Amino acid sequence: MRAPDSSPEKDHTIAVEAGNWLARRDRGLSAAEQDTFLQWLSEDKRHREVLADLERTWSTLDSLAGWQPGHGTPPNPDLLAPIQPRQSRLFRLALGAAGLAAALAIVGAFAFLRQASPESGALAQTAQGLRVIPGPERQVLEDGSVAECRHGSQIEVVFTESERRVRLLSGELHVTVTKNPQRPFIVEANGIAVRAVGTAFAVRRGSGAVDVLVTEGRVRLDSQLGNHQSEAPQTGPVAVNAGQWARIDTTSVSAPPVINPMSPADFERELAWQSVQLEFEALPLATVVAEFNLRNRQQLIIGDPAAGRVSVAGTFRADRVNAFVRLLEASFGISVERRASGPWILRKSDPIR
């Protein structure tokens, strides 16, 4: 990687090049273009950074086409009117680096509106057939515990001298608790109290049930005794250990919790929301690989045109490139040449089975 040149001229050149690559990627990269694109990314760390910034910027601006203010009259329909997908990015990238800076300022003004409204949804459209599902909103609480809220979830933190309490008002939460036996940590959801001293666990609040997944340590389930408005089951405390999943039916006051073991694969699937997710709708593997390469140190290369044309659909964790590659081998007829260092090469397997 060559030494970075931080001159304004170089920065402008990188922004223009990033825009050109983004436009090419929208219409699909050939195998030769894929190799050139990866080479460009590796030449300067700012190439990857500027490309990602540009992608996020235009993705957010795309979403504003459907934005409506909570008060006042609707905006002029031409102000944020969506451009046809094939034309939109090519047209807007022609604005150049100066347009990018202005767009970043606009995005900053609207970012809070998007995060504050669960109804706005958790999806950002980045290309036709691709959705990027944001990762969790991470909070470090005053005691050092870490709370990760699934996008669109709502919590209320109530800490006192005697206890630490987090109320899950909607959605899903994962907490990594700082140990303090004298000051118990409690997650409250729909009348159920999940109590821990030092552990890590997830709580999901549904319409008729509360789910608890324990990733480390141990928790205790309890109904909120004394809360006469709660319809939670009035049962004694129940322990749930690491590697277990519990479901409490909150529509019945007599149903005991159901506790089952969970495999590592089950945990990874259930907690996939802890990472950015990529959802593809019948996109060529060359385009899919480019998205993974933007987000992972382990790079992938399309080894032949047939592999690049393989259609991929599904939702994948953006940080699980190993799992994605294994799925390609198992289900998409792709062979993988794994190298000790450097990119892995993807090729179309022999169709004979």
Protein backbone atom coordinates (compact mmCIF):
# COMPACT_ATOMS: atom_id res chain seq x y z
CA MET A 1 0.00 0.00 0.00
CA ARG A 2 1.51 3.26 -1.04
CA ALA A 3 1.93 6.25 1.26
CA PRO A 4 -1.21 8.41 1.30
CA ASP A 5 -1.22 11.78 -0.47
CA SER A 6 -3.53 14.08 1.47
CA SER A 7 -3.62 16.94 -1.04
CA PRO A 8 -7.05 18.36 -2.00
CA GLU A 9 -6.44 17.30 -5.60
CA LYS A 10 -5.83 13.69 -4.55
CA ASP A 11 -8.91 13.70 -2.30
CA HIS A 12 -11.02 14.95 -5.21
CA THR A 13 -9.59 12.25 -7.47
CA ILE A 14 -10.40 9.52 -4.94
CA ALA A 15 -13.99 10.79 -4.61
CA VAL A 16 -14.48 10.75 -8.38
CA GLU A 17 -12.95 7.28 -8.70
CA ALA A 18 -15.13 5.97 -5.86
CA GLY A 19 -18.20 7.35 -7.57
CA ASN A 20 -17.28 5.67 -10.82
CA TRP A 21 -16.76 2.32 -9.10
CA LEU A 22 -20.06 2.64 -7.27
CA ALA A 23 -21.86 3.29 -10.55
CA ARG A 24 -20.18 0.30 -12.22
CA ARG A 25 -21.02 -1.94 -9.29
CA ASP A 26 -24.70 -1.00 -9.58
CA ARG A 27 -24.88 -2.43 -13.10
CA GLY A 28 -22.66 -5.44 -12.17
CA LEU A 29 -18.90 -6.02 -12.36
CA SER A 30 -17.25 -8.39 -14.78
CA ALA A 31 -14.55 -10.74 -13.49
CA ALA A 32 -11.83 -8.44 -14.89
CA GLU A 33 -13.47 -5.38 -13.37
CA GLN A 34 -13.78 -7.20 -10.05
CA ASP A 35 -10.02 -7.80 -9.97
CA THR A 36 -9.31 -4.18 -10.89
CA PHE A 37 -11.76 -2.99 -8.25
CA LEU A 38 -10.08 -5.06 -5.53
CA GLN A 39 -6.69 -3.77 -6.62
CA TRP A 40 -7.97 -0.19 -6.38
CA LEU A 41 -9.31 -0.84 -2.88
CA SER A 42 -5.96 -2.21 -1.70
CA GLU A 43 -3.88 0.68 -3.06
CA ASP A 44 -4.94 3.22 -0.43
CA LYS A 45 -7.02 2.76 2.72
CA ARG A 46 -8.93 5.94 1.86
CA HIS A 47 -10.35 4.27 -1.24
CA ARG A 48 -12.41 1.93 0.93
CA GLU A 49 -13.35 4.70 3.38
CA VAL A 50 -14.52 7.15 0.70
CA LEU A 51 -16.45 4.44 -1.15
CA ALA A 52 -18.26 3.43 2.05
CA ASP A 53 -19.02 7.08 2.93
CA LEU A 54 -20.37 7.74 -0.54
CA GLU A 55 -22.52 4.61 -0.43
CA ARG A 56 -23.99 5.52 2.97
CA THR A 57 -24.66 9.07 1.86
CA TRP A 58 -26.63 8.22 -1.25
CA SER A 59 -28.42 5.37 0.53
CA THR A 60 -29.73 7.82 3.10
CA LEU A 61 -30.70 10.34 0.45
CA ASP A 62 -32.56 7.57 -1.40
CA SER A 63 -34.61 6.94 1.74
CA LEU A 64 -35.59 10.61 1.98
CA ALA A 65 -37.70 10.28 -1.16
CA GLY A 66 -40.39 8.68 1.00
CA TRP A 67 -39.90 10.91 4.05
CA GLN A 68 -42.86 12.91 5.31
CA PRO A 69 -42.64 15.45 8.16
CA GLY A 70 -44.63 14.82 11.31
CA HIS A 71 -46.03 18.35 11.30
CA GLY A 72 -46.84 20.90 8.65
CA THR A 73 -47.53 20.48 4.98
CA PRO A 74 -45.80 17.84 2.88
CA PRO A 75 -42.69 18.98 1.01
CA ASN A 76 -42.73 19.80 -2.65
CA PRO A 77 -42.96 16.37 -4.33
CA ASP A 78 -40.22 17.35 -6.76
CA LEU A 79 -37.81 18.19 -3.91
CA LEU A 80 -37.08 14.60 -2.96
CA ALA A 81 -38.60 12.80 -5.92
CA PRO A 82 -36.85 9.48 -6.54
CA ILE A 83 -34.89 9.10 -9.77
CA GLN A 84 -35.12 5.84 -11.67
CA PRO A 85 -32.67 3.35 -10.06
CA ARG A 86 -30.53 2.86 -13.17
CA GLN A 87 -30.16 6.63 -13.66
CA SER A 88 -30.08 7.84 -10.08
CA ARG A 89 -26.56 7.06 -8.97
CA LEU A 90 -24.94 7.86 -12.31
CA PHE A 91 -26.69 11.23 -12.29
CA ARG A 92 -25.92 12.13 -8.72
CA LEU A 93 -22.32 10.97 -8.79
CA ALA A 94 -21.73 13.53 -11.51
CA LEU A 95 -22.04 16.14 -8.77
CA GLY A 96 -18.45 15.32 -7.78
CA ALA A 97 -16.62 15.76 -4.48
CA ALA A 98 -18.24 19.12 -3.70
CA GLY A 99 -21.68 17.55 -4.00
CA LEU A 100 -20.60 14.75 -1.68
CA ALA A 101 -19.63 17.23 1.04
CA ALA A 102 -22.98 19.02 0.74
CA ALA A 103 -24.85 15.71 0.80
CA LEU A 104 -23.04 14.66 3.98
CA ALA A 105 -24.27 17.82 5.67
CA ILE A 106 -27.86 17.08 4.61
CA VAL A 107 -27.61 13.49 5.85
CA GLY A 108 -26.37 14.70 9.22
CA ALA A 109 -29.46 16.86 9.59
CA PHE A 110 -31.82 13.94 8.93
CA ALA A 111 -29.93 11.16 10.74
CA PHE A 112 -31.68 11.76 14.06
CA LEU A 113 -35.11 11.66 12.44
CA ARG A 114 -34.41 8.22 10.98
CA GLN A 115 -33.01 6.75 14.20
CA ALA A 116 -35.73 8.19 16.42
CA SER A 117 -38.62 6.61 14.51
CA PRO A 118 -38.99 2.82 14.70
CA GLU A 119 -41.70 3.06 12.05
CA SER A 120 -39.14 4.27 9.52
CA GLY A 121 -37.78 0.73 9.37
CA ALA A 122 -34.29 -0.70 9.70
CA LEU A 123 -33.43 -0.91 6.03
CA ALA A 124 -31.21 1.18 3.83
CA GLN A 125 -31.50 0.67 0.08
CA THR A 126 -28.01 0.76 -1.46
CA ALA A 127 -28.62 -0.81 -4.85
CA GLN A 128 -31.38 -2.54 -6.72
CA GLY A 129 -31.75 -5.97 -5.14
CA LEU A 130 -29.66 -5.14 -2.06
CA ARG A 131 -30.72 -4.02 1.41
CA VAL A 132 -28.36 -3.23 4.26
CA ILE A 133 -29.93 -3.89 7.66
CA PRO A 134 -28.16 -1.78 10.31
CA GLY A 135 -26.51 -3.31 13.35
CA PRO A 136 -27.56 -2.58 16.94
CA GLU A 137 -27.49 0.75 18.70
CA ARG A 138 -24.82 0.30 21.38
CA GLN A 139 -24.91 2.08 24.74
CA VAL A 140 -22.38 1.94 27.55
CA LEU A 141 -24.37 2.40 30.74
CA GLU A 142 -23.13 4.39 33.74
CA ASP A 143 -21.93 1.22 35.53
CA GLY A 144 -19.91 0.05 32.53
CA SER A 145 -22.46 -2.52 31.36
CA VAL A 146 -23.06 -2.61 27.62
CA ALA A 147 -26.57 -2.57 26.14
CA GLU A 148 -27.09 -3.41 22.47
CA CYS A 149 -30.57 -2.59 21.15
CA ARG A 150 -31.84 -4.14 17.98
CA HIS A 151 -32.61 -1.40 15.48
CA GLY A 152 -36.01 0.11 16.29
CA SER A 153 -36.12 -1.22 19.88
CA GLN A 154 -36.87 1.05 22.83
CA ILE A 155 -35.51 0.87 26.38
CA GLU A 156 -35.74 2.91 29.56
CA VAL A 157 -32.78 2.88 31.98
CA VAL A 158 -33.59 3.36 35.68
CA PHE A 159 -30.56 3.06 37.97
CA THR A 160 -30.83 3.56 41.74
CA GLU A 161 -28.40 3.01 44.61
CA SER A 162 -29.83 -0.45 45.28
CA GLU A 163 -30.40 -1.86 41.77
CA ARG A 164 -29.79 -1.39 38.06
CA ARG A 165 -32.94 -1.76 35.97
CA VAL A 166 -33.49 -1.59 32.21
CA ARG A 167 -37.07 -1.67 30.93
CA LEU A 168 -37.44 -3.18 27.47
CA LEU A 169 -40.42 -1.32 26.04
CA SER A 170 -40.26 -2.95 22.61
CA GLY A 171 -37.99 -5.05 20.44
CA GLU A 172 -34.86 -6.90 21.53
CA LEU A 173 -31.91 -6.17 23.78
CA HIS A 174 -28.58 -7.84 24.54
CA VAL A 175 -26.69 -6.83 27.68
CA THR A 176 -23.20 -7.59 28.93
CA VAL A 177 -23.38 -6.91 32.65
CA THR A 178 -20.65 -5.49 34.85
CA LYS A 179 -20.47 -7.57 38.05
CA ASN A 180 -21.76 -5.96 41.24
CA PRO A 181 -23.44 -8.43 43.64
CA GLN A 182 -24.60 -5.60 45.91
CA ARG A 183 -26.45 -3.93 43.06
CA PRO A 184 -28.35 -6.48 40.95
CA PHE A 185 -28.95 -5.90 37.26
CA ILE A 186 -32.52 -6.48 36.04
CA VAL A 187 -34.06 -6.36 32.57
CA GLU A 188 -37.82 -5.94 32.77
CA ALA A 189 -40.05 -6.92 29.83
CA ASN A 190 -43.84 -7.20 29.86
CA GLY A 191 -44.03 -8.07 33.55
CA ILE A 192 -41.06 -10.46 33.52
CA ALA A 193 -37.87 -9.65 35.43
CA VAL A 194 -34.60 -11.16 34.15
CA ARG A 195 -32.07 -10.80 36.96
CA ALA A 196 -28.29 -11.18 36.66
CA VAL A 197 -25.19 -10.27 38.64
CA GLY A 198 -22.48 -10.72 36.00
CA THR A 199 -23.45 -12.32 32.73
CA ALA A 200 -24.49 -11.70 29.12
CA PHE A 201 -27.95 -12.39 27.78
CA ALA A 202 -30.58 -11.27 25.30
CA VAL A 203 -34.24 -10.48 25.94
CA ARG A 204 -36.88 -10.29 23.21
CA ARG A 205 -40.30 -8.82 23.88
CA GLY A 206 -43.05 -10.22 21.65
CA SER A 207 -46.80 -9.70 21.56
CA GLY A 208 -47.53 -12.78 23.67
CA ALA A 209 -44.19 -13.99 24.98
CA VAL A 210 -40.80 -12.96 26.33
CA ASP A 211 -37.74 -14.85 25.09
CA VAL A 212 -34.45 -14.98 27.01
CA LEU A 213 -31.18 -16.29 25.50
CA VAL A 214 -28.24 -16.64 27.88
CA THR A 215 -24.86 -16.36 26.18
CA GLU A 216 -22.71 -16.24 29.34
CA GLY A 217 -23.26 -16.95 33.03
CA ARG A 218 -26.71 -17.40 34.53
CA VAL A 219 -29.92 -15.42 34.95
CA ARG A 220 -33.02 -15.74 37.10
CA LEU A 221 -36.52 -15.31 35.74
CA ASP A 222 -39.17 -13.82 37.97
CA SER A 223 -42.61 -12.32 37.56
CA GLN A 224 -42.96 -8.72 38.65
CA LEU A 225 -44.64 -9.52 41.96
CA GLY A 226 -46.64 -6.63 43.30
CA ASN A 227 -47.44 -5.33 39.84
CA HIS A 228 -51.19 -5.99 39.80
CA GLN A 229 -51.52 -4.76 36.22
CA SER A 230 -49.15 -7.43 34.98
CA GLU A 231 -50.56 -10.60 33.46
CA ALA A 232 -47.20 -12.35 33.61
CA PRO A 233 -47.27 -15.90 34.99
CA GLN A 234 -47.10 -15.79 38.79
CA THR A 235 -44.49 -18.50 39.28
CA GLY A 236 -41.43 -18.76 41.47
CA PRO A 237 -37.94 -17.84 40.26
CA VAL A 238 -36.46 -20.01 37.51
CA ALA A 239 -32.75 -20.23 36.61
CA VAL A 240 -31.56 -20.19 33.00
CA ASN A 241 -27.95 -21.08 32.30
CA ALA A 242 -25.50 -20.24 29.53
CA GLY A 243 -26.38 -22.04 26.33
CA GLN A 244 -30.10 -22.12 27.12
CA TRP A 245 -33.15 -20.37 25.72
CA ALA A 246 -36.31 -19.69 27.72
CA ARG A 247 -39.75 -18.61 26.54
CA ILE A 248 -42.35 -17.21 28.95
CA ASP A 249 -45.96 -17.12 27.75
CA THR A 250 -47.21 -13.74 29.00
CA THR A 251 -50.82 -14.45 28.03
CA SER A 252 -51.20 -17.09 30.77
CA VAL A 253 -50.73 -16.65 34.51
CA SER A 254 -50.15 -20.38 35.05
CA ALA A 255 -47.89 -21.49 32.19
CA PRO A 256 -44.33 -22.18 33.40
CA PRO A 257 -41.34 -21.05 31.32
CA VAL A 258 -40.19 -23.43 28.59
CA ILE A 259 -36.41 -23.90 28.68
CA ASN A 260 -34.38 -25.60 25.96
CA PRO A 261 -30.67 -25.90 25.10
CA MET A 262 -29.35 -24.02 22.09
CA SER A 263 -26.44 -24.89 19.81
CA PRO A 264 -23.82 -22.29 18.83
CA ALA A 265 -25.38 -22.20 15.37
CA ASP A 266 -28.79 -21.46 16.91
CA PHE A 267 -27.33 -18.61 18.94
CA GLU A 268 -25.60 -17.16 15.89
CA ARG A 269 -28.85 -17.26 13.93
CA GLU A 270 -30.97 -15.75 16.70
CA LEU A 271 -28.44 -12.99 17.42
CA ALA A 272 -27.62 -12.19 13.81
CA TRP A 273 -29.06 -8.70 14.38
CA GLN A 274 -25.94 -7.87 16.43
CA SER A 275 -24.15 -7.28 13.15
CA VAL A 276 -24.94 -5.43 9.95
CA GLN A 277 -26.87 -7.79 7.68
CA LEU A 278 -26.88 -7.90 3.91
CA GLU A 279 -30.07 -8.99 2.16
CA PHE A 280 -29.71 -9.92 -1.52
CA GLU A 281 -32.49 -10.49 -4.02
CA ALA A 282 -31.16 -12.53 -6.95
CA LEU A 283 -27.94 -10.57 -7.40
CA PRO A 284 -24.89 -11.92 -9.29
CA LEU A 285 -22.17 -13.28 -7.06
CA ALA A 286 -19.72 -10.68 -8.41
CA THR A 287 -21.87 -7.92 -6.88
CA VAL A 288 -22.42 -9.85 -3.65
CA VAL A 289 -18.68 -10.45 -3.23
CA ALA A 290 -17.99 -6.73 -3.65
CA GLU A 291 -20.34 -5.98 -0.74
CA PHE A 292 -18.60 -8.50 1.53
CA ASN A 293 -15.19 -7.18 0.50
CA LEU A 294 -16.18 -3.69 1.62
CA ARG A 295 -16.80 -4.96 5.14
CA ASN A 296 -14.20 -7.68 5.79
CA ARG A 297 -10.45 -8.01 5.99
CA GLN A 298 -10.61 -11.40 4.29
CA GLN A 299 -11.13 -10.56 0.62
CA LEU A 300 -12.74 -12.72 -2.06
CA ILE A 301 -12.01 -12.84 -5.80
CA ILE A 302 -14.20 -14.17 -8.59
CA GLY A 303 -12.03 -16.73 -10.39
CA ASP A 304 -14.11 -17.24 -13.55
CA PRO A 305 -17.04 -15.52 -15.33
CA ALA A 306 -19.42 -18.41 -14.60
CA ALA A 307 -18.94 -17.95 -10.85
CA GLY A 308 -19.54 -14.22 -11.11
CA ARG A 309 -22.90 -14.83 -12.79
CA VAL A 310 -24.25 -17.20 -10.11
CA SER A 311 -27.43 -15.69 -8.67
CA VAL A 312 -27.44 -15.25 -4.88
CA ALA A 313 -30.45 -14.54 -2.69
CA GLY A 314 -30.75 -14.50 1.09
CA THR A 315 -29.83 -12.57 4.22
CA PHE A 316 -26.30 -12.84 5.61
CA ARG A 317 -24.30 -11.32 8.44
CA ALA A 318 -21.87 -8.89 6.89
CA ASP A 319 -19.07 -9.92 9.28
CA ARG A 320 -19.40 -13.67 8.68
CA VAL A 321 -17.49 -14.08 5.45
CA ASN A 322 -16.38 -17.61 6.46
CA ALA A 323 -19.96 -18.75 6.94
CA PHE A 324 -20.97 -17.13 3.65
CA VAL A 325 -18.21 -18.96 1.78
CA ARG A 326 -19.21 -22.28 3.33
CA LEU A 327 -22.78 -21.69 2.16
CA LEU A 328 -21.53 -20.97 -1.36
CA GLU A 329 -19.75 -24.33 -1.34
CA ALA A 330 -22.74 -26.22 0.06
CA SER A 331 -25.61 -24.65 -1.86
CA PHE A 332 -24.43 -22.55 -4.80
CA GLY A 333 -22.00 -24.87 -6.61
CA ILE A 334 -18.96 -22.75 -5.85
CA SER A 335 -15.49 -24.08 -5.04
CA VAL A 336 -13.19 -21.99 -2.87
CA GLU A 337 -9.41 -21.82 -3.00
CA ARG A 338 -8.44 -20.74 0.53
CA ARG A 339 -4.99 -19.23 0.73
CA ALA A 340 -2.95 -18.81 3.90
CA SER A 341 -2.60 -15.14 3.02
CA GLY A 342 -4.29 -12.97 0.44
CA PRO A 343 -7.73 -13.23 -1.18
CA TRP A 344 -9.68 -16.46 -1.53
CA ILE A 345 -10.64 -17.41 -5.08
CA LEU A 346 -14.21 -18.46 -5.94
CA ARG A 347 -14.84 -20.63 -8.99
CA LYS A 348 -17.82 -22.46 -10.42
CA SER A 349 -17.68 -26.10 -9.43
CA ASP A 350 -17.93 -28.94 -11.90
CA PRO A 351 -21.70 -29.23 -12.56
CA ILE A 352 -21.49 -33.06 -12.56
CA ARG A 353 -22.96 -34.43 -9.34
